[in-house]
Protein backbone atom coordinates (compact mmCIF):
# COMPACT_ATOMS: atom_id res chain seq x y z
CA MET A 1 16.04 -28.50 23.07
CA LYS A 2 19.62 -27.50 22.44
CA LYS A 3 20.30 -30.95 20.97
CA ILE A 4 17.36 -30.57 18.59
CA PHE A 5 17.66 -26.96 17.51
CA GLY A 6 21.30 -26.48 18.43
CA ALA A 7 22.89 -23.92 20.70
CA LYS A 8 22.97 -20.29 19.71
CA LYS A 9 26.38 -19.37 18.44
CA ASP A 10 28.07 -16.30 19.78
CA LYS A 11 28.42 -13.70 17.09
CA GLY A 12 31.78 -12.07 16.82
CA PRO A 13 32.30 -8.37 16.48
CA PRO A 14 31.18 -6.90 13.17
CA PRO A 15 33.93 -6.26 10.65
CA SER A 16 35.36 -2.80 10.70
CA ILE A 17 35.64 -0.51 7.72
CA GLN A 18 39.35 -1.16 7.52
CA ASP A 19 38.81 -4.93 7.44
CA ALA A 20 36.23 -4.64 4.69
CA THR A 21 38.50 -2.35 2.68
CA GLU A 22 41.45 -4.75 2.96
CA ARG A 23 39.29 -7.71 1.88
CA ILE A 24 37.96 -5.84 -1.17
CA ASN A 25 41.47 -4.71 -2.10
CA LYS A 26 42.67 -8.32 -2.04
CA ARG A 27 39.80 -9.33 -4.31
CA GLY A 28 40.69 -6.49 -6.64
CA GLU A 29 44.31 -7.65 -6.80
CA THR A 30 43.16 -11.17 -7.69
CA VAL A 31 40.95 -9.84 -10.49
CA ASP A 32 43.82 -7.71 -11.82
CA GLU A 33 46.07 -10.79 -11.99
CA LYS A 34 43.39 -12.68 -13.97
CA ILE A 35 42.99 -9.79 -16.39
CA LYS A 36 46.77 -9.64 -16.85
CA LYS A 37 46.87 -13.38 -17.73
CA LEU A 38 44.02 -12.94 -20.19
CA ASP A 39 45.87 -10.08 -21.87
CA GLU A 40 48.93 -12.31 -22.31
CA GLU A 41 46.80 -15.08 -23.86
CA LEU A 42 45.01 -12.60 -26.11
CA ALA A 43 48.35 -11.26 -27.33
CA ARG A 44 49.45 -14.83 -28.15
CA TYR A 45 46.18 -15.56 -30.01
CA LYS A 46 46.54 -12.30 -31.90
CA GLU A 47 50.01 -13.33 -33.07
CA GLN A 48 48.70 -16.75 -34.13
CA ILE A 49 45.83 -15.17 -36.09
CA ARG A 50 48.31 -12.92 -37.89
CA LYS A 51 50.53 -15.87 -38.86
CA THR A 52 47.71 -18.31 -39.73
CA ARG A 53 46.14 -18.32 -43.17
CA PRO A 54 42.43 -17.70 -43.48
CA GLY A 55 40.52 -20.89 -42.91
CA PRO A 56 39.03 -23.13 -40.25
CA SER A 57 42.10 -23.01 -38.01
CA GLN A 58 42.13 -19.21 -38.02
CA GLU A 59 38.41 -19.13 -37.23
CA ALA A 60 38.96 -21.48 -34.29
CA ILE A 61 41.68 -19.24 -32.92
CA LYS A 62 39.40 -16.21 -33.30
CA ALA A 63 36.61 -18.03 -31.42
CA ARG A 64 38.98 -18.70 -28.51
CA ALA A 65 40.13 -15.06 -28.51
CA ILE A 66 36.50 -13.86 -28.43
CA ARG A 67 35.78 -16.15 -25.50
CA LEU A 68 38.80 -14.70 -23.63
CA LEU A 69 37.61 -11.17 -24.41
CA LYS A 70 34.23 -11.95 -22.83
CA HIS A 71 35.99 -13.22 -19.69
CA LYS A 72 38.17 -10.13 -19.63
CA ARG A 73 35.15 -7.83 -19.82
CA MET A 74 33.48 -9.74 -16.99
CA TYR A 75 36.56 -9.36 -14.81
CA GLU A 76 36.84 -5.70 -15.70
CA GLU A 77 33.23 -5.16 -14.59
CA GLN A 78 34.00 -6.93 -11.31
CA ARG A 79 37.08 -4.77 -10.84
CA ASN A 80 35.09 -1.59 -11.45
CA MET A 81 32.46 -2.77 -8.97
CA LEU A 82 35.16 -3.47 -6.37
CA PHE A 83 36.70 -0.04 -6.97
CA ASN A 84 33.30 1.57 -6.39
CA GLN A 85 32.87 -0.36 -3.15
CA THR A 86 36.34 0.69 -2.02
CA TYR A 87 35.50 4.32 -2.83
CA ASN A 88 32.32 4.13 -0.78
CA LEU A 89 34.15 2.54 2.13
CA ASP A 90 36.80 5.26 1.98
CA GLN A 91 34.11 7.93 2.17
CA VAL A 92 32.52 6.22 5.17
CA SER A 93 35.94 5.87 6.80
CA PHE A 94 36.70 9.55 6.28
CA ALA A 95 33.32 10.50 7.75
CA ALA A 96 33.86 8.19 10.74
CA ASP A 97 37.34 9.58 11.35
CA GLY A 98 35.96 13.11 11.16
CA LEU A 99 33.29 12.28 13.75
CA LYS A 100 35.90 10.69 16.02
CA ASP A 101 38.08 13.78 15.76
CA ALA A 102 35.11 16.01 16.48
CA GLN A 103 34.21 13.89 19.50
CA GLN A 104 37.76 14.06 20.85
CA THR A 105 37.84 17.79 20.28
CA MET A 106 34.54 18.21 22.11
CA ASN A 107 35.80 16.14 25.05
CA ALA A 108 39.00 18.18 25.21
CA MET A 109 37.03 21.44 25.12
CA LYS A 110 34.72 20.22 27.89
CA ALA A 111 37.71 19.32 30.06
CA ALA A 112 39.36 22.67 29.37
CA ASN A 113 36.10 24.50 30.12
CA LYS A 114 35.77 22.70 33.43
CA GLU A 115 39.37 23.50 34.32
CA LEU A 116 38.93 27.16 33.41
CA LYS A 117 35.83 27.41 35.58
CA GLY A 118 37.75 25.99 38.51
CA MET A 119 40.60 28.46 37.93
CA MET A 120 38.23 31.41 37.61
CA LYS A 121 36.82 30.64 41.04
CA THR A 122 40.24 31.26 42.57
CA VAL A 123 41.02 34.38 40.51
CA LYS A 124 38.85 37.48 40.93
CA ILE A 125 38.95 40.71 38.95
CA GLU A 126 38.52 42.76 42.13
CA ASP A 127 41.63 41.20 43.65
CA ILE A 128 43.65 41.97 40.52
CA ASP A 129 42.47 45.60 40.51
CA ASN A 130 43.31 45.99 44.19
CA MET A 131 46.74 44.48 43.63
CA GLN A 132 47.40 46.89 40.75
CA ASP A 133 46.37 49.86 42.90
CA GLU A 134 48.62 48.71 45.72
CA MET A 135 51.55 48.29 43.33
CA THR A 136 50.99 51.81 41.99
CA ASP A 137 50.95 53.24 45.52
CA LEU A 138 54.10 51.35 46.44
CA MET A 139 55.91 52.64 43.34
CA ASP A 140 54.89 56.22 44.17
CA VAL A 141 56.15 55.84 47.73
CA SER A 142 59.40 54.33 46.47
CA ASN A 143 59.94 57.27 44.09
CA GLU A 144 59.31 59.74 46.90
CA ILE A 145 61.83 57.93 49.10
CA GLN A 146 64.45 58.02 46.36
CA GLU A 147 63.90 61.72 45.74
CA THR A 148 64.12 62.44 49.48
CA LEU A 149 67.37 60.51 49.87
CA GLY A 150 68.89 62.21 46.82
CA ARG A 151 68.05 65.73 47.98
CA SER A 152 70.95 68.16 48.69
CA TYR A 153 70.86 69.87 52.08
CA ASN A 154 72.81 73.13 51.41
CA ILE A 155 71.62 74.04 47.94
CA PRO A 156 68.12 75.49 47.79
CA ASP A 157 65.85 74.45 44.99
CA ASP A 158 64.93 77.99 43.86
CA VAL A 159 68.47 79.23 42.96
CA ASP A 160 68.61 81.96 40.30
CA GLU A 161 71.04 81.22 37.47
CA GLU A 162 71.86 84.91 36.92
CA GLU A 163 72.75 85.26 40.60
CA LEU A 164 75.13 82.30 40.31
CA MET A 165 76.82 83.87 37.25
CA GLY A 166 77.29 87.14 39.16
CA GLU A 167 78.95 85.31 42.02
CA LEU A 168 81.26 83.56 39.54
CA ASP A 169 82.34 86.89 37.98
CA ALA A 170 83.00 88.35 41.44
CA LEU A 171 85.13 85.33 42.31
CA GLU A 172 87.26 85.80 39.16
CA SER A 173 87.78 89.51 40.02
CA ASP A 174 88.93 88.61 43.53
CA MET A 175 91.43 86.12 42.15
CA GLU A 176 92.92 88.73 39.78
CA PHE A 177 93.21 91.27 42.63
CA GLU A 178 94.97 88.77 44.88
CA SER A 179 97.51 87.90 42.18
CA ALA A 180 98.30 91.65 41.62
CA ALA A 181 98.86 92.25 45.38
CA VAL A 182 101.61 89.59 45.68
CA PRO A 183 105.17 91.13 46.30
CA SER A 184 107.79 90.93 43.57
CA TYR A 185 110.05 88.65 45.54
CA LEU A 186 107.21 86.20 45.97
CA GLN A 187 106.25 86.23 42.30
CA PRO A 188 107.76 83.66 39.91
CA GLU A 189 111.26 84.39 38.57
CA THR A 190 111.58 86.21 35.23
CA ASP A 191 114.40 86.58 32.71
CA PHE A 192 116.37 89.73 33.84
CA ASP A 193 118.63 89.68 30.76
CA ALA A 194 115.58 89.94 28.55
CA ASP A 195 114.28 92.86 30.67
CA LEU A 196 117.65 94.76 30.42
CA ASN A 197 118.09 94.07 26.70
CA LEU A 198 121.72 92.95 27.16
CA PRO A 199 123.61 91.19 24.35
CA ALA A 200 124.09 87.50 24.65
CA ALA A 201 127.43 86.17 25.88
CA PRO A 202 129.74 84.73 23.13
CA THR A 203 129.87 81.04 23.03
CA ARG A 204 133.50 80.75 21.69
CA PRO A 205 136.48 83.18 21.28
CA ALA A 206 137.02 84.92 17.98
CA ALA A 207 139.68 83.47 15.75
CA VAL A 208 143.12 85.33 15.72
CA PRO A 209 144.29 86.33 12.21
CA ALA A 210 147.29 84.50 10.92
CA GLY A 211 150.72 86.26 11.55
CA GLN A 212 149.47 88.18 14.62
CA GLU A 213 150.48 85.58 17.18
CA ASP A 214 153.52 85.56 19.48
CA GLU A 215 155.79 82.65 20.34
CA LEU A 216 153.24 81.21 22.76
CA GLY A 217 150.44 81.31 20.25
CA LEU A 218 148.74 84.28 21.95
CA PRO A 219 147.66 87.45 20.14
CA ALA A 220 150.60 89.82 19.67
CA VAL A 221 150.60 93.16 21.59
CA PRO A 222 151.00 96.24 19.37
CA ARG A 223 154.35 98.07 19.72
CA ALA A 224 152.86 101.44 20.42
CA SER A 225 151.29 100.09 23.54
CA ILE A 226 154.63 98.60 24.58
CA ARG A 227 156.45 101.93 24.26
CA SER A 228 153.90 103.71 26.27
């Protein structure tokens, strides 16, 4: 039977959107090249028509140019059709990519949801509340310990400030009384010359007037004192 009807051929995978888009783009490039060549020929025919005198030869050139214009329009229609197909394929590709992204996002959210459920089984709100209460109690106990260790033993807490000021004034009075009761010989030395109001000692002898010196350069003694 296989020899008569032939064996069934294995079909390959269907073309993807990207493959179809690339094939249409190649066809569009081929059509664009043909249109470009026709434009060059039409420009050459246009120049010939301008240089040729009216007559049979000019009409023949015009007939060729019209034929090329018909071909150009046909290619332009094909190019527009290919552009429309490419546009449709791009829309389908965008939609397919959007669905793939949505599917990946959904899979990631499902995995995260499953992981969160597993984590929530190990973490309980009651345990967190109990831990917070224990931490608060421990902090209170720690503060009490610090206050107890920093407490002074000899100074009472309810000390009156006015009473402390009175004790300070009494202490200053006692100090003044003790300084007044110290004997004079134990007190610091003072300037006796200033207390007696004595004149200051001369620093250098007074100069002797000229002509009142003896042979030794000393002040001369008056004669009246010598006679006496």
